[in-house]
Amino acid sequence: MFVFTAVSPTIFVPNQLMGAPAGKNVTLECNIEAHPRAISYWNFNNSMVLSNEKYTSSIMESSYRTNMQLTIRNLQLSDFGNYRCISKNSLGETEGSIRLYEMVQPSAPPTATEIKSSANKEGECSKELINKLMTNNLEQKKS
């Protein structure tokens, strides 16, 4: 026979720092352990996040463990910031934090057609194209 002892909630956040590009979807995750079962929810900008066309919150419970996920669709600049997963039961309250930041997608290198079409009569490339090539080269070296 297995007996549960009463414990206040504890939260484990697998990824406390998440990056995603604007326009994409992202899923945040918190894992909670508590007994008795806790009330758990998401918070952003000091407001509770409710499921709607923008956000989908899902909770999977198994005995004293809970997995909570928040999917944010079509990320906009206003969606980036600190999200908190909050969990409360009769013995206490705790929270985990996830910082969601914008990942800038690197621009594609110019194609051969772009290079050819931007060259002048003497076959010299424009300053804009040269700058684009140099920027892409530097970004690739940083990666």
Foldseek 3Di string as FASTA:
>chain_A
DDDDDFDWKDKDFPAQEAEEAAQAKDKGKIKMFGPPEKDKFKDDPNHTDDDDPQKDWDWDDDHRMIMIMIMGHRHDPVPFAKMKMKIGDPVGIDIGIHGYDYDDDQDDQDDPVVQQVQADPVSHHDPVNVVSNVVSVVVVVVD
